[in-house]
Amino acid sequence: MNAWLIAVAVLLVGGLAPCLVVTSFGSVPRRLVGLTVANTLTVVILLLLAEGLHRTSYPVGCALVVVLGRFLDQTLRVRPADGGAEGR
């Protein structure tokens, strides 16, 4: 086990677990913050795993996760109650 994998373990326990708790319980704005921080930590954890395991395929997967995450963010965004009509 090297320093990269130790950093992954620390982030999983000390970073991602609290984000999942905040995302599961609390008000809607707190859940959104927890989800956003968890997304960022997940990408960092995947990059640290790539370094720790001396693999090159993980950063490509990280880029794919970020691109798909942003796509889903745009498609699942909450629409205004008036159906999205602006300037009325």
PDB file of N, CA and C in Angstrom:
ATOM      1  N   MET A   1       0.850  -1.172   0.000  1.00  0.00           N
ATOM      2  CA  MET A   1       0.000   0.000   0.000  1.00  0.00           C
ATOM      3  C   MET A   1       0.897   1.237   0.000  1.00  0.00           C
ATOM      4  N   ASN A   2       0.633   2.139  -0.916  1.00  0.00           N
ATOM      5  CA  ASN A   2       1.451   3.346  -1.008  1.00  0.00           C
ATOM      6  C   ASN A   2       0.649   4.568  -0.531  1.00  0.00           C
ATOM      7  N   ALA A   3       1.267   5.741  -0.613  1.00  0.00           N
ATOM      8  CA  ALA A   3       0.638   6.964  -0.101  1.00  0.00           C
ATOM      9  C   ALA A   3      -0.626   7.326  -0.874  1.00  0.00           C
ATOM     10  N   TRP A   4      -0.659   7.004  -2.157  1.00  0.00           N
ATOM     11  CA  TRP A   4      -1.854   7.324  -2.956  1.00  0.00           C
ATOM     12  C   TRP A   4      -3.067   6.537  -2.460  1.00  0.00           C
ATOM     13  N   LEU A   5      -2.859   5.275  -2.180  1.00  0.00           N
ATOM     14  CA  LEU A   5      -3.970   4.439  -1.715  1.00  0.00           C
ATOM     15  C   LEU A   5      -4.386   4.798  -0.294  1.00  0.00           C
ATOM     16  N   ILE A   6      -3.443   5.248   0.519  1.00  0.00           N
ATOM     17  CA  ILE A   6      -3.789   5.720   1.862  1.00  0.00           C
ATOM     18  C   ILE A   6      -4.650   6.972   1.753  1.00  0.00           C
ATOM     19  N   ALA A   7      -4.297   7.853   0.815  1.00  0.00           N
ATOM     20  CA  ALA A   7      -5.101   9.056   0.595  1.00  0.00           C
ATOM     21  C   ALA A   7      -6.509   8.696   0.129  1.00  0.00           C
ATOM     22  N   VAL A   8      -6.633   7.657  -0.693  1.00  0.00           N
ATOM     23  CA  VAL A   8      -7.952   7.198  -1.135  1.00  0.00           C
ATOM     24  C   VAL A   8      -8.770   6.720   0.060  1.00  0.00           C
ATOM     25  N   ALA A   9      -8.144   5.936   0.936  1.00  0.00           N
ATOM     26  CA  ALA A   9      -8.854   5.429   2.107  1.00  0.00           C
ATOM     27  C   ALA A   9      -9.304   6.569   3.017  1.00  0.00           C
ATOM     28  N   VAL A  10      -8.441   7.556   3.196  1.00  0.00           N
ATOM     29  CA  VAL A  10      -8.788   8.700   4.046  1.00  0.00           C
ATOM     30  C   VAL A  10      -9.949   9.489   3.437  1.00  0.00           C
ATOM     31  N   LEU A  11      -9.916   9.711   2.127  1.00  0.00           N
ATOM     32  CA  LEU A  11     -11.000  10.457   1.476  1.00  0.00           C
ATOM     33  C   LEU A  11     -12.310   9.683   1.483  1.00  0.00           C
ATOM     34  N   LEU A  12     -12.237   8.369   1.354  1.00  0.00           N
ATOM     35  CA  LEU A  12     -13.460   7.575   1.387  1.00  0.00           C
ATOM     36  C   LEU A  12     -14.137   7.666   2.744  1.00  0.00           C
ATOM     37  N   VAL A  13     -13.350   7.527   3.794  1.00  0.00           N
ATOM     38  CA  VAL A  13     -13.919   7.525   5.141  1.00  0.00           C
ATOM     39  C   VAL A  13     -14.196   8.939   5.634  1.00  0.00           C
ATOM     40  N   GLY A  14     -13.230   9.825   5.471  1.00  0.00           N
ATOM     41  CA  GLY A  14     -13.360  11.162   6.030  1.00  0.00           C
ATOM     42  C   GLY A  14     -14.034  12.175   5.140  1.00  0.00           C
ATOM     43  N   GLY A  15     -14.167  11.878   3.855  1.00  0.00           N
ATOM     44  CA  GLY A  15     -14.745  12.845   2.937  1.00  0.00           C
ATOM     45  C   GLY A  15     -16.046  12.392   2.297  1.00  0.00           C
ATOM     46  N   LEU A  16     -16.021  11.215   1.713  1.00  0.00           N
ATOM     47  CA  LEU A  16     -17.188  10.764   0.963  1.00  0.00           C
ATOM     48  C   LEU A  16     -18.316  10.291   1.875  1.00  0.00           C
ATOM     49  N   ALA A  17     -17.977   9.625   2.963  1.00  0.00           N
ATOM     50  CA  ALA A  17     -19.016   9.138   3.874  1.00  0.00           C
ATOM     51  C   ALA A  17     -19.843  10.281   4.465  1.00  0.00           C
ATOM     52  N   PRO A  18     -19.223  11.360   4.972  1.00  0.00           N
ATOM     53  CA  PRO A  18     -20.044  12.477   5.466  1.00  0.00           C
ATOM     54  C   PRO A  18     -20.887  13.129   4.365  1.00  0.00           C
ATOM     55  N   CYS A  19     -20.358  13.178   3.156  1.00  0.00           N
ATOM     56  CA  CYS A  19     -21.141  13.746   2.048  1.00  0.00           C
ATOM     57  C   CYS A  19     -22.388  12.907   1.779  1.00  0.00           C
ATOM     58  N   LEU A  20     -22.249  11.599   1.863  1.00  0.00           N
ATOM     59  CA  LEU A  20     -23.404  10.725   1.633  1.00  0.00           C
ATOM     60  C   LEU A  20     -24.435  10.869   2.740  1.00  0.00           C
ATOM     61  N   VAL A  21     -23.978  11.087   3.971  1.00  0.00           N
ATOM     62  CA  VAL A  21     -24.911  11.307   5.081  1.00  0.00           C
ATOM     63  C   VAL A  21     -25.668  12.618   4.877  1.00  0.00           C
ATOM     64  N   VAL A  22     -24.939  13.677   4.500  1.00  0.00           N
ATOM     65  CA  VAL A  22     -25.584  14.973   4.266  1.00  0.00           C
ATOM     66  C   VAL A  22     -26.543  14.881   3.087  1.00  0.00           C
ATOM     67  N   THR A  23     -26.172  14.118   2.070  1.00  0.00           N
ATOM     68  CA  THR A  23     -27.028  13.970   0.898  1.00  0.00           C
ATOM     69  C   THR A  23     -28.296  13.178   1.233  1.00  0.00           C
ATOM     70  N   SER A  24     -28.210  12.282   2.192  1.00  0.00           N
ATOM     71  CA  SER A  24     -29.358  11.453   2.547  1.00  0.00           C
ATOM     72  C   SER A  24     -30.344  12.157   3.469  1.00  0.00           C
ATOM     73  N   PHE A  25     -29.837  13.013   4.340  1.00  0.00           N
ATOM     74  CA  PHE A  25     -30.685  13.664   5.336  1.00  0.00           C
ATOM     75  C   PHE A  25     -30.463  15.169   5.272  1.00  0.00           C
ATOM     76  N   GLY A  26     -31.483  15.918   5.602  1.00  0.00           N
ATOM     77  CA  GLY A  26     -31.340  17.368   5.665  1.00  0.00           C
ATOM     78  C   GLY A  26     -32.213  18.079   4.655  1.00  0.00           C
ATOM     79  N   SER A  27     -32.050  19.386   4.623  1.00  0.00           N
ATOM     80  CA  SER A  27     -32.852  20.196   3.715  1.00  0.00           C
ATOM     81  C   SER A  27     -32.346  20.040   2.276  1.00  0.00           C
ATOM     82  N   VAL A  28     -33.141  20.511   1.357  1.00  0.00           N
ATOM     83  CA  VAL A  28     -32.795  20.372  -0.060  1.00  0.00           C
ATOM     84  C   VAL A  28     -31.492  21.091  -0.415  1.00  0.00           C
ATOM     85  N   PRO A  29     -31.270  22.328   0.040  1.00  0.00           N
ATOM     86  CA  PRO A  29     -29.986  22.970  -0.302  1.00  0.00           C
ATOM     87  C   PRO A  29     -28.775  22.227   0.264  1.00  0.00           C
ATOM     88  N   ARG A  30     -28.905  21.682   1.477  1.00  0.00           N
ATOM     89  CA  ARG A  30     -27.796  20.924   2.056  1.00  0.00           C
ATOM     90  C   ARG A  30     -27.556  19.634   1.281  1.00  0.00           C
ATOM     91  N   ARG A  31     -28.632  19.009   0.816  1.00  0.00           N
ATOM     92  CA  ARG A  31     -28.473  17.796   0.010  1.00  0.00           C
ATOM     93  C   ARG A  31     -27.751  18.099  -1.298  1.00  0.00           C
ATOM     94  N   LEU A  32     -28.085  19.216  -1.899  1.00  0.00           N
ATOM     95  CA  LEU A  32     -27.432  19.601  -3.148  1.00  0.00           C
ATOM     96  C   LEU A  32     -25.948  19.861  -2.937  1.00  0.00           C
ATOM     97  N   VAL A  33     -25.613  20.535  -1.844  1.00  0.00           N
ATOM     98  CA  VAL A  33     -24.203  20.782  -1.527  1.00  0.00           C
ATOM     99  C   VAL A  33     -23.480  19.460  -1.279  1.00  0.00           C
ATOM    100  N   GLY A  34     -24.096  18.562  -0.537  1.00  0.00           N
ATOM    101  CA  GLY A  34     -23.484  17.255  -0.287  1.00  0.00           C
ATOM    102  C   GLY A  34     -23.261  16.466  -1.562  1.00  0.00           C
ATOM    103  N   LEU A  35     -24.220  16.528  -2.465  1.00  0.00           N
ATOM    104  CA  LEU A  35     -24.087  15.823  -3.740  1.00  0.00           C
ATOM    105  C   LEU A  35     -22.982  16.417  -4.595  1.00  0.00           C
ATOM    106  N   THR A  36     -22.881  17.733  -4.613  1.00  0.00           N
ATOM    107  CA  THR A  36     -21.852  18.396  -5.407  1.00  0.00           C
ATOM    108  C   THR A  36     -20.456  18.076  -4.879  1.00  0.00           C
ATOM    109  N   VAL A  37     -20.296  18.138  -3.566  1.00  0.00           N
ATOM    110  CA  VAL A  37     -18.991  17.820  -2.976  1.00  0.00           C
ATOM    111  C   VAL A  37     -18.665  16.341  -3.170  1.00  0.00           C
ATOM    112  N   ALA A  38     -19.659  15.474  -3.061  1.00  0.00           N
ATOM    113  CA  ALA A  38     -19.429  14.047  -3.282  1.00  0.00           C
ATOM    114  C   ALA A  38     -18.992  13.771  -4.717  1.00  0.00           C
ATOM    115  N   ASN A  39     -19.554  14.494  -5.672  1.00  0.00           N
ATOM    116  CA  ASN A  39     -19.165  14.340  -7.073  1.00  0.00           C
ATOM    117  C   ASN A  39     -17.701  14.722  -7.264  1.00  0.00           C
ATOM    118  N   THR A  40     -17.301  15.835  -6.675  1.00  0.00           N
ATOM    119  CA  THR A  40     -15.915  16.284  -6.791  1.00  0.00           C
ATOM    120  C   THR A  40     -14.966  15.294  -6.124  1.00  0.00           C
ATOM    121  N   LEU A  41     -15.333  14.820  -4.936  1.00  0.00           N
ATOM    122  CA  LEU A  41     -14.483  13.857  -4.230  1.00  0.00           C
ATOM    123  C   LEU A  41     -14.377  12.536  -4.985  1.00  0.00           C
ATOM    124  N   THR A  42     -15.441  12.134  -5.641  1.00  0.00           N
ATOM    125  CA  THR A  42     -15.401  10.888  -6.409  1.00  0.00           C
ATOM    126  C   THR A  42     -14.388  10.974  -7.544  1.00  0.00           C
ATOM    127  N   VAL A  43     -14.362  12.097  -8.229  1.00  0.00           N
ATOM    128  CA  VAL A  43     -13.393  12.277  -9.307  1.00  0.00           C
ATOM    129  C   VAL A  43     -11.970  12.269  -8.750  1.00  0.00           C
ATOM    130  N   VAL A  44     -11.758  12.948  -7.636  1.00  0.00           N
ATOM    131  CA  VAL A  44     -10.426  12.968  -7.016  1.00  0.00           C
ATOM    132  C   VAL A  44     -10.026  11.565  -6.567  1.00  0.00           C
ATOM    133  N   ILE A  45     -10.955  10.822  -5.992  1.00  0.00           N
ATOM    134  CA  ILE A  45     -10.659   9.454  -5.550  1.00  0.00           C
ATOM    135  C   ILE A  45     -10.286   8.572  -6.736  1.00  0.00           C
ATOM    136  N   LEU A  46     -10.992   8.703  -7.841  1.00  0.00           N
ATOM    137  CA  LEU A  46     -10.665   7.901  -9.024  1.00  0.00           C
ATOM    138  C   LEU A  46      -9.284   8.250  -9.576  1.00  0.00           C
ATOM    139  N   LEU A  47      -8.946   9.536  -9.556  1.00  0.00           N
ATOM    140  CA  LEU A  47      -7.609   9.925 -10.019  1.00  0.00           C
ATOM    141  C   LEU A  47      -6.518   9.408  -9.078  1.00  0.00           C
ATOM    142  N   LEU A  48      -6.761   9.459  -7.770  1.00  0.00           N
ATOM    143  CA  LEU A  48      -5.791   8.919  -6.820  1.00  0.00           C
ATOM    144  C   LEU A  48      -5.646   7.406  -6.973  1.00  0.00           C
ATOM    145  N   LEU A  49      -6.738   6.729  -7.249  1.00  0.00           N
ATOM    146  CA  LEU A  49      -6.657   5.281  -7.504  1.00  0.00           C
ATOM    147  C   LEU A  49      -5.812   4.980  -8.739  1.00  0.00           C
ATOM    148  N   ALA A  50      -5.961   5.796  -9.762  1.00  0.00           N
ATOM    149  CA  ALA A  50      -5.161   5.603 -10.968  1.00  0.00           C
ATOM    150  C   ALA A  50      -3.679   5.733 -10.656  1.00  0.00           C
ATOM    151  N   GLU A  51      -3.316   6.729  -9.865  1.00  0.00           N
ATOM    152  CA  GLU A  51      -1.912   6.893  -9.488  1.00  0.00           C
ATOM    153  C   GLU A  51      -1.448   5.764  -8.576  1.00  0.00           C
ATOM    154  N   GLY A  52      -2.267   5.392  -7.619  1.00  0.00           N
ATOM    155  CA  GLY A  52      -1.881   4.367  -6.658  1.00  0.00           C
ATOM    156  C   GLY A  52      -1.736   2.984  -7.257  1.00  0.00           C
ATOM    157  N   LEU A  53      -2.537   2.685  -8.252  1.00  0.00           N
ATOM    158  CA  LEU A  53      -2.494   1.363  -8.880  1.00  0.00           C
ATOM    159  C   LEU A  53      -1.672   1.352 -10.171  1.00  0.00           C
ATOM    160  N   HIS A  54      -1.100   2.504 -10.519  1.00  0.00           N
ATOM    161  CA  HIS A  54      -0.279   2.641 -11.732  1.00  0.00           C
ATOM    162  C   HIS A  54      -1.035   2.202 -12.977  1.00  0.00           C
ATOM    163  N   ARG A  55      -2.276   2.684 -13.084  1.00  0.00           N
ATOM    164  CA  ARG A  55      -3.123   2.367 -14.227  1.00  0.00           C
ATOM    165  C   ARG A  55      -3.400   3.637 -15.006  1.00  0.00           C
ATOM    166  N   THR A  56      -3.547   3.533 -16.304  1.00  0.00           N
ATOM    167  CA  THR A  56      -3.813   4.710 -17.119  1.00  0.00           C
ATOM    168  C   THR A  56      -5.263   4.790 -17.580  1.00  0.00           C
ATOM    169  N   SER A  57      -6.038   3.751 -17.410  1.00  0.00           N
ATOM    170  CA  SER A  57      -7.403   3.771 -17.918  1.00  0.00           C
ATOM    171  C   SER A  57      -8.351   4.551 -17.024  1.00  0.00           C
ATOM    172  N   TYR A  58      -8.014   4.731 -15.760  1.00  0.00           N
ATOM    173  CA  TYR A  58      -8.921   5.422 -14.858  1.00  0.00           C
ATOM    174  C   TYR A  58      -9.124   6.898 -15.182  1.00  0.00           C
ATOM    175  N   PRO A  59      -8.100   7.668 -15.540  1.00  0.00           N
ATOM    176  CA  PRO A  59      -8.367   9.076 -15.882  1.00  0.00           C
ATOM    177  C   PRO A  59      -9.326   9.245 -17.061  1.00  0.00           C
ATOM    178  N   VAL A  60      -9.290   8.316 -18.003  1.00  0.00           N
ATOM    179  CA  VAL A  60     -10.242   8.379 -19.111  1.00  0.00           C
ATOM    180  C   VAL A  60     -11.650   8.156 -18.577  1.00  0.00           C
ATOM    181  N   GLY A  61     -11.797   7.231 -17.655  1.00  0.00           N
ATOM    182  CA  GLY A  61     -13.090   6.992 -17.027  1.00  0.00           C
ATOM    183  C   GLY A  61     -13.552   8.189 -16.227  1.00  0.00           C
ATOM    184  N   CYS A  62     -12.609   8.874 -15.567  1.00  0.00           N
ATOM    185  CA  CYS A  62     -12.954  10.078 -14.804  1.00  0.00           C
ATOM    186  C   CYS A  62     -13.500  11.155 -15.730  1.00  0.00           C
ATOM    187  N   ALA A  63     -12.854  11.339 -16.854  1.00  0.00           N
ATOM    188  CA  ALA A  63     -13.329  12.341 -17.808  1.00  0.00           C
ATOM    189  C   ALA A  63     -14.733  11.974 -18.299  1.00  0.00           C
ATOM    190  N   LEU A  64     -14.961  10.692 -18.533  1.00  0.00           N
ATOM    191  CA  LEU A  64     -16.279  10.246 -18.972  1.00  0.00           C
ATOM    192  C   LEU A  64     -17.329  10.498 -17.889  1.00  0.00           C
ATOM    193  N   VAL A  65     -16.980  10.249 -16.636  1.00  0.00           N
ATOM    194  CA  VAL A  65     -17.909  10.492 -15.530  1.00  0.00           C
ATOM    195  C   VAL A  65     -18.253  11.971 -15.434  1.00  0.00           C
ATOM    196  N   VAL A  66     -17.265  12.828 -15.581  1.00  0.00           N
ATOM    197  CA  VAL A  66     -17.519  14.270 -15.499  1.00  0.00           C
ATOM    198  C   VAL A  66     -18.416  14.723 -16.644  1.00  0.00           C
ATOM    199  N   VAL A  67     -18.136  14.258 -17.848  1.00  0.00           N
ATOM    200  CA  VAL A  67     -18.944  14.663 -19.004  1.00  0.00           C
ATOM    201  C   VAL A  67     -20.377  14.167 -18.855  1.00  0.00           C
ATOM    202  N   LEU A  68     -20.558  12.911 -18.470  1.00  0.00           N
ATOM    203  CA  LEU A  68     -21.907  12.382 -18.303  1.00  0.00           C
ATOM    204  C   LEU A  68     -22.623  13.045 -17.133  1.00  0.00           C
ATOM    205  N   GLY A  69     -21.883  13.353 -16.073  1.00  0.00           N
ATOM    206  CA  GLY A  69     -22.485  14.043 -14.936  1.00  0.00           C
ATOM    207  C   GLY A  69     -22.993  15.415 -15.304  1.00  0.00           C
ATOM    208  N   ARG A  70     -22.225  16.141 -16.100  1.00  0.00           N
ATOM    209  CA  ARG A  70     -22.675  17.467 -16.528  1.00  0.00           C
ATOM    210  C   ARG A  70     -23.861  17.369 -17.489  1.00  0.00           C
ATOM    211  N   PHE A  71     -23.849  16.327 -18.313  1.00  0.00           N
ATOM    212  CA  PHE A  71     -24.987  16.136 -19.217  1.00  0.00           C
ATOM    213  C   PHE A  71     -26.254  15.853 -18.415  1.00  0.00           C
ATOM    214  N   LEU A  72     -26.157  14.957 -17.432  1.00  0.00           N
ATOM    215  CA  LEU A  72     -27.322  14.644 -16.615  1.00  0.00           C
ATOM    216  C   LEU A  72     -27.756  15.849 -15.788  1.00  0.00           C
ATOM    217  N   ASP A  73     -26.799  16.646 -15.355  1.00  0.00           N
ATOM    218  CA  ASP A  73     -27.139  17.851 -14.602  1.00  0.00           C
ATOM    219  C   ASP A  73     -28.007  18.783 -15.439  1.00  0.00           C
ATOM    220  N   GLN A  74     -27.687  18.913 -16.703  1.00  0.00           N
ATOM    221  CA  GLN A  74     -28.461  19.786 -17.579  1.00  0.00           C
ATOM    222  C   GLN A  74     -29.831  19.196 -17.895  1.00  0.00           C
ATOM    223  N   THR A  75     -29.913  17.885 -18.037  1.00  0.00           N
ATOM    224  CA  THR A  75     -31.194  17.283 -18.426  1.00  0.00           C
ATOM    225  C   THR A  75     -32.136  17.099 -17.245  1.00  0.00           C
ATOM    226  N   LEU A  76     -31.601  16.942 -16.035  1.00  0.00           N
ATOM    227  CA  LEU A  76     -32.448  16.702 -14.870  1.00  0.00           C
ATOM    228  C   LEU A  76     -32.694  17.953 -14.039  1.00  0.00           C
ATOM    229  N   ARG A  77     -32.247  19.083 -14.516  1.00  0.00           N
ATOM    230  CA  ARG A  77     -32.411  20.323 -13.766  1.00  0.00           C
ATOM    231  C   ARG A  77     -33.896  20.646 -13.596  1.00  0.00           C
ATOM    232  N   VAL A  78     -34.261  21.156 -12.443  1.00  0.00           N
ATOM    233  CA  VAL A  78     -35.659  21.466 -12.141  1.00  0.00           C
ATOM    234  C   VAL A  78     -36.115  22.651 -12.979  1.00  0.00           C
ATOM    235  N   ARG A  79     -37.257  22.491 -13.603  1.00  0.00           N
ATOM    236  CA  ARG A  79     -37.819  23.540 -14.444  1.00  0.00           C
ATOM    237  C   ARG A  79     -38.687  24.462 -13.592  1.00  0.00           C
ATOM    238  N   PRO A  80     -38.850  25.721 -13.988  1.00  0.00           N
ATOM    239  CA  PRO A  80     -39.757  26.617 -13.259  1.00  0.00           C
ATOM    240  C   PRO A  80     -41.197  26.130 -13.322  1.00  0.00           C
ATOM    241  N   ALA A  81     -41.989  26.553 -12.346  1.00  0.00           N
ATOM    242  CA  ALA A  81     -43.381  26.083 -12.240  1.00  0.00           C
ATOM    243  C   ALA A  81     -44.253  26.547 -13.412  1.00  0.00           C
ATOM    244  N   ASP A  82     -43.871  27.645 -14.069  1.00  0.00           N
ATOM    245  CA  ASP A  82     -44.696  28.154 -15.155  1.00  0.00           C
ATOM    246  C   ASP A  82     -44.379  27.496 -16.499  1.00  0.00           C
ATOM    247  N   GLY A  83     -43.646  26.410 -16.476  1.00  0.00           N
ATOM    248  CA  GLY A  83     -43.351  25.694 -17.707  1.00  0.00           C
ATOM    249  C   GLY A  83     -42.136  26.213 -18.443  1.00  0.00           C
ATOM    250  N   GLY A  84     -41.394  27.089 -17.820  1.00  0.00           N
ATOM    251  CA  GLY A  84     -40.168  27.566 -18.431  1.00  0.00           C
ATOM    252  C   GLY A  84     -40.338  28.824 -19.262  1.00  0.00           C
ATOM    253  N   ALA A  85     -41.535  29.379 -19.304  1.00  0.00           N
ATOM    254  CA  ALA A  85     -41.743  30.609 -20.076  1.00  0.00           C
ATOM    255  C   ALA A  85     -41.146  31.782 -19.321  1.00  0.00           C
ATOM    256  N   GLU A  86     -40.259  32.500 -19.996  1.00  0.00           N
ATOM    257  CA  GLU A  86     -39.616  33.638 -19.365  1.00  0.00           C
ATOM    258  C   GLU A  86     -40.081  34.921 -20.015  1.00  0.00           C
ATOM    259  N   GLY A  87     -40.036  35.995 -19.249  1.00  0.00           N
ATOM    260  CA  GLY A  87     -40.335  37.310 -19.810  1.00  0.00           C
ATOM    261  C   GLY A  87     -41.813  37.600 -19.997  1.00  0.00           C
ATOM    262  N   ARG A  88     -42.685  36.941 -19.273  1.00  0.00           N
ATOM    263  CA  ARG A  88     -44.118  37.195 -19.411  1.00  0.00           C
ATOM    264  C   ARG A  88     -44.504  38.415 -18.647  1.00  0.00           C
TER     265      ARG A  88
END
